[in-house]
Amino acid sequence: MITIPDDVLAAMRLPEGDRERILKVELAVALYQRGILPLGKARKLAGMTKWEFIEELAGRGVERHYSGEELEEDLAFAEGR
């Protein structure tokens, strides 16, 4: 659990009901972009599907880290395995 001081939360000016979701997406994108989290774990942290997260990355201009493992998964999916 991460504790964020109230004055820092207030400075963010995020809608109260959306704070946690927005912060999770921001953290997930940042950790993915730095190569700290793979796509699957980052999208899970963000609470998004794989395609939603890929669209989020694209919208922010974040390049995909496309691994051999992801290629195999995509090929298996395309072949119906």
PDB file of N, CA and C in Angstrom:
ATOM      1  N   MET A   1       0.845  -1.170   0.000  1.00  0.00           N
ATOM      2  CA  MET A   1       0.000   0.000   0.000  1.00  0.00           C
ATOM      3  C   MET A   1       0.895   1.238   0.000  1.00  0.00           C
ATOM      4  N   ILE A   2       0.487   2.200  -0.786  1.00  0.00           N
ATOM      5  CA  ILE A   2       1.203   3.464  -0.859  1.00  0.00           C
ATOM      6  C   ILE A   2       0.340   4.520  -0.196  1.00  0.00           C
ATOM      7  N   THR A   3       0.923   5.282   0.696  1.00  0.00           N
ATOM      8  CA  THR A   3       0.210   6.358   1.356  1.00  0.00           C
ATOM      9  C   THR A   3       0.637   7.676   0.733  1.00  0.00           C
ATOM     10  N   ILE A   4      -0.342   8.437   0.289  1.00  0.00           N
ATOM     11  CA  ILE A   4      -0.067   9.738  -0.305  1.00  0.00           C
ATOM     12  C   ILE A   4      -0.635  10.793   0.632  1.00  0.00           C
ATOM     13  N   PRO A   5       0.211  11.720   1.064  1.00  0.00           N
ATOM     14  CA  PRO A   5      -0.267  12.772   1.979  1.00  0.00           C
ATOM     15  C   PRO A   5      -1.437  13.558   1.375  1.00  0.00           C
ATOM     16  N   ASP A   6      -2.358  13.973   2.232  1.00  0.00           N
ATOM     17  CA  ASP A   6      -3.558  14.683   1.784  1.00  0.00           C
ATOM     18  C   ASP A   6      -3.232  15.942   0.990  1.00  0.00           C
ATOM     19  N   ASP A   7      -2.194  16.665   1.409  1.00  0.00           N
ATOM     20  CA  ASP A   7      -1.867  17.905   0.691  1.00  0.00           C
ATOM     21  C   ASP A   7      -1.352  17.610  -0.726  1.00  0.00           C
ATOM     22  N   VAL A   8      -0.704  16.470  -0.898  1.00  0.00           N
ATOM     23  CA  VAL A   8      -0.241  16.075  -2.230  1.00  0.00           C
ATOM     24  C   VAL A   8      -1.438  15.682  -3.089  1.00  0.00           C
ATOM     25  N   LEU A   9      -2.372  14.915  -2.524  1.00  0.00           N
ATOM     26  CA  LEU A   9      -3.586  14.552  -3.252  1.00  0.00           C
ATOM     27  C   LEU A   9      -4.367  15.796  -3.667  1.00  0.00           C
ATOM     28  N   ALA A  10      -4.475  16.760  -2.761  1.00  0.00           N
ATOM     29  CA  ALA A  10      -5.203  17.995  -3.074  1.00  0.00           C
ATOM     30  C   ALA A  10      -4.500  18.762  -4.196  1.00  0.00           C
ATOM     31  N   ALA A  11      -3.182  18.748  -4.198  1.00  0.00           N
ATOM     32  CA  ALA A  11      -2.425  19.455  -5.238  1.00  0.00           C
ATOM     33  C   ALA A  11      -2.623  18.829  -6.609  1.00  0.00           C
ATOM     34  N   MET A  12      -2.947  17.538  -6.650  1.00  0.00           N
ATOM     35  CA  MET A  12      -3.164  16.846  -7.918  1.00  0.00           C
ATOM     36  C   MET A  12      -4.451  17.283  -8.602  1.00  0.00           C
ATOM     37  N   ARG A  13      -5.397  17.776  -7.846  1.00  0.00           N
ATOM     38  CA  ARG A  13      -6.692  18.231  -8.371  1.00  0.00           C
ATOM     39  C   ARG A  13      -7.400  17.151  -9.200  1.00  0.00           C
ATOM     40  N   LEU A  14      -7.352  15.937  -8.706  1.00  0.00           N
ATOM     41  CA  LEU A  14      -8.037  14.829  -9.371  1.00  0.00           C
ATOM     42  C   LEU A  14      -9.428  14.669  -8.784  1.00  0.00           C
ATOM     43  N   PRO A  15     -10.410  14.292  -9.605  1.00  0.00           N
ATOM     44  CA  PRO A  15     -11.749  14.044  -9.069  1.00  0.00           C
ATOM     45  C   PRO A  15     -11.687  12.964  -7.990  1.00  0.00           C
ATOM     46  N   GLU A  16     -12.292  13.219  -6.860  1.00  0.00           N
ATOM     47  CA  GLU A  16     -12.167  12.311  -5.716  1.00  0.00           C
ATOM     48  C   GLU A  16     -12.539  10.876  -6.047  1.00  0.00           C
ATOM     49  N   GLY A  17     -13.592  10.654  -6.792  1.00  0.00           N
ATOM     50  CA  GLY A  17     -14.030   9.303  -7.115  1.00  0.00           C
ATOM     51  C   GLY A  17     -13.106   8.581  -8.086  1.00  0.00           C
ATOM     52  N   ASP A  18     -12.307   9.317  -8.848  1.00  0.00           N
ATOM     53  CA  ASP A  18     -11.439   8.728  -9.868  1.00  0.00           C
ATOM     54  C   ASP A  18      -9.965   8.683  -9.472  1.00  0.00           C
ATOM     55  N   ARG A  19      -9.623   9.196  -8.327  1.00  0.00           N
ATOM     56  CA  ARG A  19      -8.211   9.308  -7.935  1.00  0.00           C
ATOM     57  C   ARG A  19      -7.450   7.999  -8.037  1.00  0.00           C
ATOM     58  N   GLU A  20      -7.981   6.975  -7.411  1.00  0.00           N
ATOM     59  CA  GLU A  20      -7.265   5.698  -7.374  1.00  0.00           C
ATOM     60  C   GLU A  20      -7.066   5.131  -8.773  1.00  0.00           C
ATOM     61  N   ARG A  21      -8.120   5.170  -9.594  1.00  0.00           N
ATOM     62  CA  ARG A  21      -8.029   4.648 -10.960  1.00  0.00           C
ATOM     63  C   ARG A  21      -7.001   5.434 -11.772  1.00  0.00           C
ATOM     64  N   ILE A  22      -7.059   6.750 -11.692  1.00  0.00           N
ATOM     65  CA  ILE A  22      -6.127   7.591 -12.451  1.00  0.00           C
ATOM     66  C   ILE A  22      -4.695   7.348 -12.003  1.00  0.00           C
ATOM     67  N   LEU A  23      -4.474   7.273 -10.703  1.00  0.00           N
ATOM     68  CA  LEU A  23      -3.115   7.053 -10.192  1.00  0.00           C
ATOM     69  C   LEU A  23      -2.582   5.682 -10.595  1.00  0.00           C
ATOM     70  N   LYS A  24      -3.445   4.677 -10.601  1.00  0.00           N
ATOM     71  CA  LYS A  24      -3.018   3.335 -11.012  1.00  0.00           C
ATOM     72  C   LYS A  24      -2.616   3.321 -12.478  1.00  0.00           C
ATOM     73  N   VAL A  25      -3.386   3.998 -13.323  1.00  0.00           N
ATOM     74  CA  VAL A  25      -3.052   4.063 -14.750  1.00  0.00           C
ATOM     75  C   VAL A  25      -1.730   4.802 -14.937  1.00  0.00           C
ATOM     76  N   GLU A  26      -1.572   5.933 -14.267  1.00  0.00           N
ATOM     77  CA  GLU A  26      -0.329   6.704 -14.380  1.00  0.00           C
ATOM     78  C   GLU A  26       0.879   5.879 -13.941  1.00  0.00           C
ATOM     79  N   LEU A  27       0.745   5.178 -12.828  1.00  0.00           N
ATOM     80  CA  LEU A  27       1.830   4.346 -12.324  1.00  0.00           C
ATOM     81  C   LEU A  27       2.129   3.201 -13.281  1.00  0.00           C
ATOM     82  N   ALA A  28       1.090   2.557 -13.773  1.00  0.00           N
ATOM     83  CA  ALA A  28       1.264   1.429 -14.698  1.00  0.00           C
ATOM     84  C   ALA A  28       1.981   1.865 -15.969  1.00  0.00           C
ATOM     85  N   VAL A  29       1.573   2.988 -16.541  1.00  0.00           N
ATOM     86  CA  VAL A  29       2.211   3.486 -17.765  1.00  0.00           C
ATOM     87  C   VAL A  29       3.670   3.828 -17.497  1.00  0.00           C
ATOM     88  N   ALA A  30       3.935   4.516 -16.401  1.00  0.00           N
ATOM     89  CA  ALA A  30       5.308   4.909 -16.080  1.00  0.00           C
ATOM     90  C   ALA A  30       6.208   3.694 -15.856  1.00  0.00           C
ATOM     91  N   LEU A  31       5.714   2.701 -15.135  1.00  0.00           N
ATOM     92  CA  LEU A  31       6.518   1.508 -14.865  1.00  0.00           C
ATOM     93  C   LEU A  31       6.733   0.683 -16.127  1.00  0.00           C
ATOM     94  N   TYR A  32       5.728   0.634 -16.987  1.00  0.00           N
ATOM     95  CA  TYR A  32       5.882  -0.067 -18.259  1.00  0.00           C
ATOM     96  C   TYR A  32       6.896   0.660 -19.149  1.00  0.00           C
ATOM     97  N   GLN A  33       6.741   1.963 -19.239  1.00  0.00           N
ATOM     98  CA  GLN A  33       7.619   2.756 -20.099  1.00  0.00           C
ATOM     99  C   GLN A  33       9.084   2.624 -19.695  1.00  0.00           C
ATOM    100  N   ARG A  34       9.340   2.509 -18.412  1.00  0.00           N
ATOM    101  CA  ARG A  34      10.714   2.372 -17.901  1.00  0.00           C
ATOM    102  C   ARG A  34      11.218   0.940 -17.959  1.00  0.00           C
ATOM    103  N   GLY A  35      10.371   0.003 -18.385  1.00  0.00           N
ATOM    104  CA  GLY A  35      10.785  -1.391 -18.485  1.00  0.00           C
ATOM    105  C   GLY A  35      10.768  -2.128 -17.160  1.00  0.00           C
ATOM    106  N   ILE A  36      10.083  -1.568 -16.173  1.00  0.00           N
ATOM    107  CA  ILE A  36      10.020  -2.182 -14.850  1.00  0.00           C
ATOM    108  C   ILE A  36       8.929  -3.243 -14.787  1.00  0.00           C
ATOM    109  N   LEU A  37       7.816  -3.001 -15.488  1.00  0.00           N
ATOM    110  CA  LEU A  37       6.724  -3.971 -15.537  1.00  0.00           C
ATOM    111  C   LEU A  37       6.472  -4.387 -16.981  1.00  0.00           C
ATOM    112  N   PRO A  38       6.221  -5.675 -17.219  1.00  0.00           N
ATOM    113  CA  PRO A  38       5.824  -6.106 -18.566  1.00  0.00           C
ATOM    114  C   PRO A  38       4.379  -5.671 -18.827  1.00  0.00           C
ATOM    115  N   LEU A  39       3.981  -5.751 -20.060  1.00  0.00           N
ATOM    116  CA  LEU A  39       2.660  -5.294 -20.480  1.00  0.00           C
ATOM    117  C   LEU A  39       1.541  -5.940 -19.665  1.00  0.00           C
ATOM    118  N   GLY A  40       1.576  -7.242 -19.505  1.00  0.00           N
ATOM    119  CA  GLY A  40       0.502  -7.942 -18.798  1.00  0.00           C
ATOM    120  C   GLY A  40       0.318  -7.474 -17.370  1.00  0.00           C
ATOM    121  N   LYS A  41       1.413  -7.293 -16.661  1.00  0.00           N
ATOM    122  CA  LYS A  41       1.333  -6.837 -15.261  1.00  0.00           C
ATOM    123  C   LYS A  41       0.948  -5.368 -15.189  1.00  0.00           C
ATOM    124  N   ALA A  42       1.436  -4.565 -16.128  1.00  0.00           N
ATOM    125  CA  ALA A  42       1.111  -3.142 -16.136  1.00  0.00           C
ATOM    126  C   ALA A  42      -0.374  -2.935 -16.420  1.00  0.00           C
ATOM    127  N   ARG A  43      -0.899  -3.681 -17.386  1.00  0.00           N
ATOM    128  CA  ARG A  43      -2.319  -3.529 -17.700  1.00  0.00           C
ATOM    129  C   ARG A  43      -3.190  -4.017 -16.543  1.00  0.00           C
ATOM    130  N   LYS A  44      -2.707  -5.026 -15.825  1.00  0.00           N
ATOM    131  CA  LYS A  44      -3.444  -5.512 -14.653  1.00  0.00           C
ATOM    132  C   LYS A  44      -3.465  -4.447 -13.566  1.00  0.00           C
ATOM    133  N   LEU A  45      -2.324  -3.797 -13.332  1.00  0.00           N
ATOM    134  CA  LEU A  45      -2.254  -2.712 -12.361  1.00  0.00           C
ATOM    135  C   LEU A  45      -3.197  -1.581 -12.750  1.00  0.00           C
ATOM    136  N   ALA A  46      -3.264  -1.281 -14.044  1.00  0.00           N
ATOM    137  CA  ALA A  46      -4.131  -0.209 -14.535  1.00  0.00           C
ATOM    138  C   ALA A  46      -5.606  -0.597 -14.516  1.00  0.00           C
ATOM    139  N   GLY A  47      -5.891  -1.899 -14.379  1.00  0.00           N
ATOM    140  CA  GLY A  47      -7.277  -2.360 -14.384  1.00  0.00           C
ATOM    141  C   GLY A  47      -7.892  -2.299 -15.767  1.00  0.00           C
ATOM    142  N   MET A  48      -7.064  -2.564 -16.787  1.00  0.00           N
ATOM    143  CA  MET A  48      -7.512  -2.479 -18.175  1.00  0.00           C
ATOM    144  C   MET A  48      -7.297  -3.805 -18.882  1.00  0.00           C
ATOM    145  N   THR A  49      -8.026  -3.982 -19.982  1.00  0.00           N
ATOM    146  CA  THR A  49      -7.752  -5.127 -20.835  1.00  0.00           C
ATOM    147  C   THR A  49      -6.443  -4.854 -21.566  1.00  0.00           C
ATOM    148  N   LYS A  50      -5.927  -5.884 -22.200  1.00  0.00           N
ATOM    149  CA  LYS A  50      -4.683  -5.721 -22.962  1.00  0.00           C
ATOM    150  C   LYS A  50      -4.842  -4.636 -24.013  1.00  0.00           C
ATOM    151  N   TRP A  51      -5.956  -4.663 -24.742  1.00  0.00           N
ATOM    152  CA  TRP A  51      -6.157  -3.712 -25.842  1.00  0.00           C
ATOM    153  C   TRP A  51      -6.418  -2.311 -25.337  1.00  0.00           C
ATOM    154  N   GLU A  52      -7.117  -2.172 -24.226  1.00  0.00           N
ATOM    155  CA  GLU A  52      -7.321  -0.843 -23.637  1.00  0.00           C
ATOM    156  C   GLU A  52      -5.983  -0.230 -23.239  1.00  0.00           C
ATOM    157  N   PHE A  53      -5.126  -1.060 -22.629  1.00  0.00           N
ATOM    158  CA  PHE A  53      -3.826  -0.551 -22.184  1.00  0.00           C
ATOM    159  C   PHE A  53      -2.947  -0.199 -23.379  1.00  0.00           C
ATOM    160  N   ILE A  54      -2.983  -1.022 -24.423  1.00  0.00           N
ATOM    161  CA  ILE A  54      -2.207  -0.724 -25.632  1.00  0.00           C
ATOM    162  C   ILE A  54      -2.679   0.599 -26.235  1.00  0.00           C
ATOM    163  N   GLU A  55      -3.983   0.823 -26.250  1.00  0.00           N
ATOM    164  CA  GLU A  55      -4.516   2.091 -26.756  1.00  0.00           C
ATOM    165  C   GLU A  55      -4.082   3.259 -25.883  1.00  0.00           C
ATOM    166  N   GLU A  56      -4.054   3.040 -24.575  1.00  0.00           N
ATOM    167  CA  GLU A  56      -3.589   4.084 -23.643  1.00  0.00           C
ATOM    168  C   GLU A  56      -2.136   4.438 -23.937  1.00  0.00           C
ATOM    169  N   LEU A  57      -1.316   3.411 -24.127  1.00  0.00           N
ATOM    170  CA  LEU A  57       0.095   3.654 -24.450  1.00  0.00           C
ATOM    171  C   LEU A  57       0.230   4.415 -25.764  1.00  0.00           C
ATOM    172  N   ALA A  58      -0.518   3.993 -26.769  1.00  0.00           N
ATOM    173  CA  ALA A  58      -0.447   4.640 -28.080  1.00  0.00           C
ATOM    174  C   ALA A  58      -0.871   6.099 -27.986  1.00  0.00           C
ATOM    175  N   GLY A  59      -1.919   6.358 -27.236  1.00  0.00           N
ATOM    176  CA  GLY A  59      -2.399   7.726 -27.069  1.00  0.00           C
ATOM    177  C   GLY A  59      -1.398   8.638 -26.394  1.00  0.00           C
ATOM    178  N   ARG A  60      -0.500   8.052 -25.623  1.00  0.00           N
ATOM    179  CA  ARG A  60       0.530   8.823 -24.931  1.00  0.00           C
ATOM    180  C   ARG A  60       1.858   8.810 -25.683  1.00  0.00           C
ATOM    181  N   GLY A  61       1.895   8.093 -26.802  1.00  0.00           N
ATOM    182  CA  GLY A  61       3.129   8.021 -27.581  1.00  0.00           C
ATOM    183  C   GLY A  61       4.191   7.134 -26.954  1.00  0.00           C
ATOM    184  N   VAL A  62       3.758   6.177 -26.119  1.00  0.00           N
ATOM    185  CA  VAL A  62       4.694   5.254 -25.465  1.00  0.00           C
ATOM    186  C   VAL A  62       4.905   4.056 -26.384  1.00  0.00           C
ATOM    187  N   GLU A  63       6.148   3.773 -26.716  1.00  0.00           N
ATOM    188  CA  GLU A  63       6.463   2.640 -27.586  1.00  0.00           C
ATOM    189  C   GLU A  63       6.254   1.324 -26.851  1.00  0.00           C
ATOM    190  N   ARG A  64       5.757   0.321 -27.596  1.00  0.00           N
ATOM    191  CA  ARG A  64       5.564  -1.016 -27.035  1.00  0.00           C
ATOM    192  C   ARG A  64       6.888  -1.736 -26.922  1.00  0.00           C
ATOM    193  N   HIS A  65       7.036  -2.502 -25.872  1.00  0.00           N
ATOM    194  CA  HIS A  65       8.165  -3.407 -25.699  1.00  0.00           C
ATOM    195  C   HIS A  65       7.620  -4.767 -26.129  1.00  0.00           C
ATOM    196  N   TYR A  66       7.844  -5.125 -27.361  1.00  0.00           N
ATOM    197  CA  TYR A  66       7.244  -6.341 -27.906  1.00  0.00           C
ATOM    198  C   TYR A  66       8.246  -7.476 -27.809  1.00  0.00           C
ATOM    199  N   SER A  67       8.016  -8.380 -26.881  1.00  0.00           N
ATOM    200  CA  SER A  67       8.949  -9.478 -26.629  1.00  0.00           C
ATOM    201  C   SER A  67       8.624 -10.694 -27.499  1.00  0.00           C
ATOM    202  N   GLY A  68       9.546 -11.617 -27.550  1.00  0.00           N
ATOM    203  CA  GLY A  68       9.327 -12.881 -28.249  1.00  0.00           C
ATOM    204  C   GLY A  68       8.162 -13.643 -27.652  1.00  0.00           C
ATOM    205  N   GLU A  69       8.016 -13.561 -26.340  1.00  0.00           N
ATOM    206  CA  GLU A  69       6.912 -14.242 -25.657  1.00  0.00           C
ATOM    207  C   GLU A  69       5.567 -13.663 -26.101  1.00  0.00           C
ATOM    208  N   GLU A  70       5.498 -12.346 -26.223  1.00  0.00           N
ATOM    209  CA  GLU A  70       4.259 -11.723 -26.689  1.00  0.00           C
ATOM    210  C   GLU A  70       3.955 -12.120 -28.135  1.00  0.00           C
ATOM    211  N   LEU A  71       4.979 -12.208 -28.938  1.00  0.00           N
ATOM    212  CA  LEU A  71       4.794 -12.637 -30.319  1.00  0.00           C
ATOM    213  C   LEU A  71       4.204 -14.045 -30.359  1.00  0.00           C
ATOM    214  N   GLU A  72       4.742 -14.949 -29.558  1.00  0.00           N
ATOM    215  CA  GLU A  72       4.223 -16.314 -29.500  1.00  0.00           C
ATOM    216  C   GLU A  72       2.761 -16.332 -29.059  1.00  0.00           C
ATOM    217  N   GLU A  73       2.428 -15.524 -28.044  1.00  0.00           N
ATOM    218  CA  GLU A  73       1.044 -15.452 -27.572  1.00  0.00           C
ATOM    219  C   GLU A  73       0.126 -14.953 -28.681  1.00  0.00           C
ATOM    220  N   ASP A  74       0.559 -13.917 -29.395  1.00  0.00           N
ATOM    221  CA  ASP A  74      -0.255 -13.355 -30.458  1.00  0.00           C
ATOM    222  C   ASP A  74      -0.421 -14.347 -31.608  1.00  0.00           C
ATOM    223  N   LEU A  75       0.635 -15.063 -31.950  1.00  0.00           N
ATOM    224  CA  LEU A  75       0.532 -16.064 -33.006  1.00  0.00           C
ATOM    225  C   LEU A  75      -0.392 -17.199 -32.611  1.00  0.00           C
ATOM    226  N   ALA A  76      -0.288 -17.638 -31.358  1.00  0.00           N
ATOM    227  CA  ALA A  76      -1.168 -18.701 -30.871  1.00  0.00           C
ATOM    228  C   ALA A  76      -2.622 -18.263 -30.912  1.00  0.00           C
ATOM    229  N   PHE A  77      -2.872 -17.008 -30.522  1.00  0.00           N
ATOM    230  CA  PHE A  77      -4.226 -16.475 -30.545  1.00  0.00           C
ATOM    231  C   PHE A  77      -4.755 -16.432 -31.977  1.00  0.00           C
ATOM    232  N   ALA A  78      -3.918 -15.962 -32.904  1.00  0.00           N
ATOM    233  CA  ALA A  78      -4.312 -15.836 -34.301  1.00  0.00           C
ATOM    234  C   ALA A  78      -4.604 -17.204 -34.920  1.00  0.00           C
ATOM    235  N   GLU A  79      -3.885 -18.229 -34.462  1.00  0.00           N
ATOM    236  CA  GLU A  79      -4.077 -19.574 -34.993  1.00  0.00           C
ATOM    237  C   GLU A  79      -5.169 -20.334 -34.251  1.00  0.00           C
ATOM    238  N   GLY A  80      -5.748 -19.715 -33.229  1.00  0.00           N
ATOM    239  CA  GLY A  80      -6.830 -20.353 -32.493  1.00  0.00           C
ATOM    240  C   GLY A  80      -6.380 -21.370 -31.483  1.00  0.00           C
ATOM    241  N   ARG A  81      -5.105 -21.301 -31.066  1.00  0.00           N
ATOM    242  CA  ARG A  81      -4.607 -22.254 -30.060  1.00  0.00           C
ATOM    243  C   ARG A  81      -4.924 -21.796 -28.666  1.00  0.00           C
TER     244      ARG A  81
END
